[in-house]
Amino acid sequence: KLVKYVPWGPPLETKDYLLRRLQENGDAVRGDNGLRLVGDVLKVCWGKITGKAK
């Protein structure tokens, strides 16, 4: 099972929580510049253009 917590309320009340989560999760995304995702998207697009989509 997966549970996702979404803060709900006025921005000023949820700001501290969101900042804390950003600091906690910052290490997970720090080394990811998104190039792999861009490459995967380009592969899918090229496959659709050439008719070789998987």
PDB file of N, CA and C in Angstrom:
ATOM      1  N   LYS A   1       0.840  -1.179   0.000  1.00  0.00           N
ATOM      2  CA  LYS A   1       0.000   0.000   0.000  1.00  0.00           C
ATOM      3  C   LYS A   1       0.879   1.235   0.000  1.00  0.00           C
ATOM      4  N   LEU A   2       0.391   2.263  -0.636  1.00  0.00           N
ATOM      5  CA  LEU A   2       1.105   3.523  -0.713  1.00  0.00           C
ATOM      6  C   LEU A   2       0.218   4.607  -0.137  1.00  0.00           C
ATOM      7  N   VAL A   3       0.786   5.391   0.740  1.00  0.00           N
ATOM      8  CA  VAL A   3       0.062   6.504   1.327  1.00  0.00           C
ATOM      9  C   VAL A   3       0.828   7.770   0.997  1.00  0.00           C
ATOM     10  N   LYS A   4       0.136   8.745   0.458  1.00  0.00           N
ATOM     11  CA  LYS A   4       0.771  10.017   0.131  1.00  0.00           C
ATOM     12  C   LYS A   4       0.098  11.094   0.959  1.00  0.00           C
ATOM     13  N   TYR A   5       0.926  11.835   1.670  1.00  0.00           N
ATOM     14  CA  TYR A   5       0.418  12.904   2.517  1.00  0.00           C
ATOM     15  C   TYR A   5       0.500  14.203   1.738  1.00  0.00           C
ATOM     16  N   VAL A   6      -0.616  14.893   1.620  1.00  0.00           N
ATOM     17  CA  VAL A   6      -0.646  16.173   0.928  1.00  0.00           C
ATOM     18  C   VAL A   6      -1.064  17.231   1.939  1.00  0.00           C
ATOM     19  N   PRO A   7      -0.190  18.211   2.181  1.00  0.00           N
ATOM     20  CA  PRO A   7      -0.560  19.264   3.126  1.00  0.00           C
ATOM     21  C   PRO A   7      -1.714  20.093   2.569  1.00  0.00           C
ATOM     22  N   TRP A   8      -2.623  20.428   3.437  1.00  0.00           N
ATOM     23  CA  TRP A   8      -3.790  21.179   3.014  1.00  0.00           C
ATOM     24  C   TRP A   8      -3.992  22.323   3.968  1.00  0.00           C
ATOM     25  N   GLY A   9      -4.159  23.500   3.425  1.00  0.00           N
ATOM     26  CA  GLY A   9      -4.401  24.658   4.259  1.00  0.00           C
ATOM     27  C   GLY A   9      -3.804  25.902   3.639  1.00  0.00           C
ATOM     28  N   PRO A  10      -3.886  26.988   4.367  1.00  0.00           N
ATOM     29  CA  PRO A  10      -3.317  28.242   3.868  1.00  0.00           C
ATOM     30  C   PRO A  10      -1.801  28.112   3.674  1.00  0.00           C
ATOM     31  N   PRO A  11      -1.251  28.749   2.643  1.00  0.00           N
ATOM     32  CA  PRO A  11       0.189  28.643   2.373  1.00  0.00           C
ATOM     33  C   PRO A  11       1.075  28.984   3.568  1.00  0.00           C
ATOM     34  N   LEU A  12       0.698  29.971   4.336  1.00  0.00           N
ATOM     35  CA  LEU A  12       1.536  30.346   5.479  1.00  0.00           C
ATOM     36  C   LEU A  12       1.591  29.248   6.532  1.00  0.00           C
ATOM     37  N   GLU A  13       0.523  28.452   6.636  1.00  0.00           N
ATOM     38  CA  GLU A  13       0.500  27.374   7.625  1.00  0.00           C
ATOM     39  C   GLU A  13       1.218  26.122   7.130  1.00  0.00           C
ATOM     40  N   THR A  14       1.268  25.908   5.837  1.00  0.00           N
ATOM     41  CA  THR A  14       1.914  24.709   5.300  1.00  0.00           C
ATOM     42  C   THR A  14       3.353  24.962   4.862  1.00  0.00           C
ATOM     43  N   LYS A  15       3.773  26.222   4.854  1.00  0.00           N
ATOM     44  CA  LYS A  15       5.108  26.596   4.383  1.00  0.00           C
ATOM     45  C   LYS A  15       6.208  25.878   5.144  1.00  0.00           C
ATOM     46  N   ASP A  16       6.145  25.853   6.453  1.00  0.00           N
ATOM     47  CA  ASP A  16       7.193  25.218   7.253  1.00  0.00           C
ATOM     48  C   ASP A  16       7.306  23.730   6.945  1.00  0.00           C
ATOM     49  N   TYR A  17       6.170  23.070   6.803  1.00  0.00           N
ATOM     50  CA  TYR A  17       6.182  21.641   6.474  1.00  0.00           C
ATOM     51  C   TYR A  17       6.827  21.419   5.110  1.00  0.00           C
ATOM     52  N   LEU A  18       6.423  22.213   4.126  1.00  0.00           N
ATOM     53  CA  LEU A  18       6.950  22.040   2.773  1.00  0.00           C
ATOM     54  C   LEU A  18       8.446  22.329   2.714  1.00  0.00           C
ATOM     55  N   LEU A  19       8.909  23.326   3.430  1.00  0.00           N
ATOM     56  CA  LEU A  19      10.346  23.624   3.472  1.00  0.00           C
ATOM     57  C   LEU A  19      11.125  22.476   4.104  1.00  0.00           C
ATOM     58  N   ARG A  20      10.585  21.905   5.164  1.00  0.00           N
ATOM     59  CA  ARG A  20      11.246  20.776   5.825  1.00  0.00           C
ATOM     60  C   ARG A  20      11.328  19.576   4.882  1.00  0.00           C
ATOM     61  N   ARG A  21      10.250  19.291   4.171  1.00  0.00           N
ATOM     62  CA  ARG A  21      10.251  18.178   3.220  1.00  0.00           C
ATOM     63  C   ARG A  21      11.229  18.432   2.072  1.00  0.00           C
ATOM     64  N   LEU A  22      11.331  19.669   1.631  1.00  0.00           N
ATOM     65  CA  LEU A  22      12.271  20.013   0.572  1.00  0.00           C
ATOM     66  C   LEU A  22      13.704  19.754   1.021  1.00  0.00           C
ATOM     67  N   GLN A  23      14.008  20.104   2.252  1.00  0.00           N
ATOM     68  CA  GLN A  23      15.351  19.856   2.780  1.00  0.00           C
ATOM     69  C   GLN A  23      15.608  18.360   2.918  1.00  0.00           C
ATOM     70  N   GLU A  24      14.619  17.609   3.396  1.00  0.00           N
ATOM     71  CA  GLU A  24      14.783  16.167   3.579  1.00  0.00           C
ATOM     72  C   GLU A  24      14.969  15.453   2.247  1.00  0.00           C
ATOM     73  N   ASN A  25      14.259  15.874   1.222  1.00  0.00           N
ATOM     74  CA  ASN A  25      14.299  15.195  -0.069  1.00  0.00           C
ATOM     75  C   ASN A  25      15.286  15.819  -1.043  1.00  0.00           C
ATOM     76  N   GLY A  26      15.941  16.873  -0.639  1.00  0.00           N
ATOM     77  CA  GLY A  26      16.869  17.557  -1.531  1.00  0.00           C
ATOM     78  C   GLY A  26      17.994  16.666  -2.013  1.00  0.00           C
ATOM     79  N   ASP A  27      18.503  15.797  -1.148  1.00  0.00           N
ATOM     80  CA  ASP A  27      19.601  14.915  -1.532  1.00  0.00           C
ATOM     81  C   ASP A  27      19.182  13.938  -2.624  1.00  0.00           C
ATOM     82  N   ALA A  28      17.941  13.543  -2.630  1.00  0.00           N
ATOM     83  CA  ALA A  28      17.470  12.561  -3.606  1.00  0.00           C
ATOM     84  C   ALA A  28      17.470  13.121  -5.023  1.00  0.00           C
ATOM     85  N   VAL A  29      17.251  14.401  -5.166  1.00  0.00           N
ATOM     86  CA  VAL A  29      17.170  14.990  -6.502  1.00  0.00           C
ATOM     87  C   VAL A  29      18.381  15.846  -6.862  1.00  0.00           C
ATOM     88  N   ARG A  30      19.286  16.028  -5.944  1.00  0.00           N
ATOM     89  CA  ARG A  30      20.432  16.905  -6.192  1.00  0.00           C
ATOM     90  C   ARG A  30      21.297  16.405  -7.351  1.00  0.00           C
ATOM     91  N   GLY A  31      21.501  15.104  -7.453  1.00  0.00           N
ATOM     92  CA  GLY A  31      22.349  14.557  -8.500  1.00  0.00           C
ATOM     93  C   GLY A  31      21.625  14.296  -9.807  1.00  0.00           C
ATOM     94  N   ASP A  32      20.342  14.566  -9.871  1.00  0.00           N
ATOM     95  CA  ASP A  32      19.558  14.279 -11.071  1.00  0.00           C
ATOM     96  C   ASP A  32      19.328  15.572 -11.842  1.00  0.00           C
ATOM     97  N   ASN A  33      19.943  15.662 -13.021  1.00  0.00           N
ATOM     98  CA  ASN A  33      19.756  16.873 -13.820  1.00  0.00           C
ATOM     99  C   ASN A  33      18.667  16.717 -14.880  1.00  0.00           C
ATOM    100  N   GLY A  34      18.031  15.555 -14.925  1.00  0.00           N
ATOM    101  CA  GLY A  34      16.917  15.343 -15.833  1.00  0.00           C
ATOM    102  C   GLY A  34      17.298  14.851 -17.218  1.00  0.00           C
ATOM    103  N   LEU A  35      18.591  14.648 -17.477  1.00  0.00           N
ATOM    104  CA  LEU A  35      19.010  14.218 -18.812  1.00  0.00           C
ATOM    105  C   LEU A  35      18.468  12.846 -19.182  1.00  0.00           C
ATOM    106  N   ARG A  36      18.393  11.950 -18.225  1.00  0.00           N
ATOM    107  CA  ARG A  36      17.864  10.615 -18.518  1.00  0.00           C
ATOM    108  C   ARG A  36      16.405  10.692 -18.951  1.00  0.00           C
ATOM    109  N   LEU A  37      15.630  11.515 -18.261  1.00  0.00           N
ATOM    110  CA  LEU A  37      14.222  11.688 -18.623  1.00  0.00           C
ATOM    111  C   LEU A  37      14.103  12.290 -20.018  1.00  0.00           C
ATOM    112  N   VAL A  38      14.912  13.297 -20.310  1.00  0.00           N
ATOM    113  CA  VAL A  38      14.876  13.922 -21.636  1.00  0.00           C
ATOM    114  C   VAL A  38      15.219  12.891 -22.708  1.00  0.00           C
ATOM    115  N   GLY A  39      16.231  12.082 -22.448  1.00  0.00           N
ATOM    116  CA  GLY A  39      16.608  11.036 -23.398  1.00  0.00           C
ATOM    117  C   GLY A  39      15.485  10.046 -23.639  1.00  0.00           C
ATOM    118  N   ASP A  40      14.825   9.629 -22.570  1.00  0.00           N
ATOM    119  CA  ASP A  40      13.709   8.686 -22.706  1.00  0.00           C
ATOM    120  C   ASP A  40      12.556   9.293 -23.505  1.00  0.00           C
ATOM    121  N   VAL A  41      12.268  10.566 -23.263  1.00  0.00           N
ATOM    122  CA  VAL A  41      11.198  11.241 -24.002  1.00  0.00           C
ATOM    123  C   VAL A  41      11.556  11.328 -25.482  1.00  0.00           C
ATOM    124  N   LEU A  42      12.814  11.672 -25.773  1.00  0.00           N
ATOM    125  CA  LEU A  42      13.242  11.759 -27.169  1.00  0.00           C
ATOM    126  C   LEU A  42      13.153  10.409 -27.870  1.00  0.00           C
ATOM    127  N   LYS A  43      13.498   9.335 -27.160  1.00  0.00           N
ATOM    128  CA  LYS A  43      13.394   7.994 -27.748  1.00  0.00           C
ATOM    129  C   LYS A  43      11.948   7.665 -28.105  1.00  0.00           C
ATOM    130  N   VAL A  44      11.036   7.980 -27.207  1.00  0.00           N
ATOM    131  CA  VAL A  44       9.618   7.707 -27.464  1.00  0.00           C
ATOM    132  C   VAL A  44       9.128   8.541 -28.648  1.00  0.00           C
ATOM    133  N   CYS A  45       9.488   9.817 -28.656  1.00  0.00           N
ATOM    134  CA  CYS A  45       9.065  10.692 -29.760  1.00  0.00           C
ATOM    135  C   CYS A  45       9.632  10.203 -31.082  1.00  0.00           C
ATOM    136  N   TRP A  46      10.912   9.845 -31.102  1.00  0.00           N
ATOM    137  CA  TRP A  46      11.541   9.356 -32.332  1.00  0.00           C
ATOM    138  C   TRP A  46      10.873   8.058 -32.799  1.00  0.00           C
ATOM    139  N   GLY A  47      10.536   7.200 -31.854  1.00  0.00           N
ATOM    140  CA  GLY A  47       9.850   5.965 -32.208  1.00  0.00           C
ATOM    141  C   GLY A  47       8.491   6.227 -32.831  1.00  0.00           C
ATOM    142  N   LYS A  48       7.784   7.223 -32.330  1.00  0.00           N
ATOM    143  CA  LYS A  48       6.471   7.554 -32.894  1.00  0.00           C
ATOM    144  C   LYS A  48       6.621   8.179 -34.276  1.00  0.00           C
ATOM    145  N   ILE A  49       7.653   8.998 -34.450  1.00  0.00           N
ATOM    146  CA  ILE A  49       7.881   9.644 -35.746  1.00  0.00           C
ATOM    147  C   ILE A  49       8.243   8.611 -36.807  1.00  0.00           C
ATOM    148  N   THR A  50       9.093   7.679 -36.447  1.00  0.00           N
ATOM    149  CA  THR A  50       9.570   6.693 -37.417  1.00  0.00           C
ATOM    150  C   THR A  50       8.665   5.470 -37.514  1.00  0.00           C
ATOM    151  N   GLY A  51       7.649   5.406 -36.672  1.00  0.00           N
ATOM    152  CA  GLY A  51       6.734   4.273 -36.706  1.00  0.00           C
ATOM    153  C   GLY A  51       7.267   3.046 -35.995  1.00  0.00           C
ATOM    154  N   LYS A  52       8.279   3.221 -35.184  1.00  0.00           N
ATOM    155  CA  LYS A  52       8.877   2.102 -34.456  1.00  0.00           C
ATOM    156  C   LYS A  52       8.616   2.215 -32.960  1.00  0.00           C
ATOM    157  N   ALA A  53       7.464   2.741 -32.614  1.00  0.00           N
ATOM    158  CA  ALA A  53       7.122   2.904 -31.201  1.00  0.00           C
ATOM    159  C   ALA A  53       6.958   1.554 -30.543  1.00  0.00           C
ATOM    160  N   LYS A  54       7.393   1.458 -29.304  1.00  0.00           N
ATOM    161  CA  LYS A  54       7.294   0.201 -28.556  1.00  0.00           C
ATOM    162  C   LYS A  54       5.961   0.092 -27.873  1.00  0.00           C
TER     163      LYS A  54
END
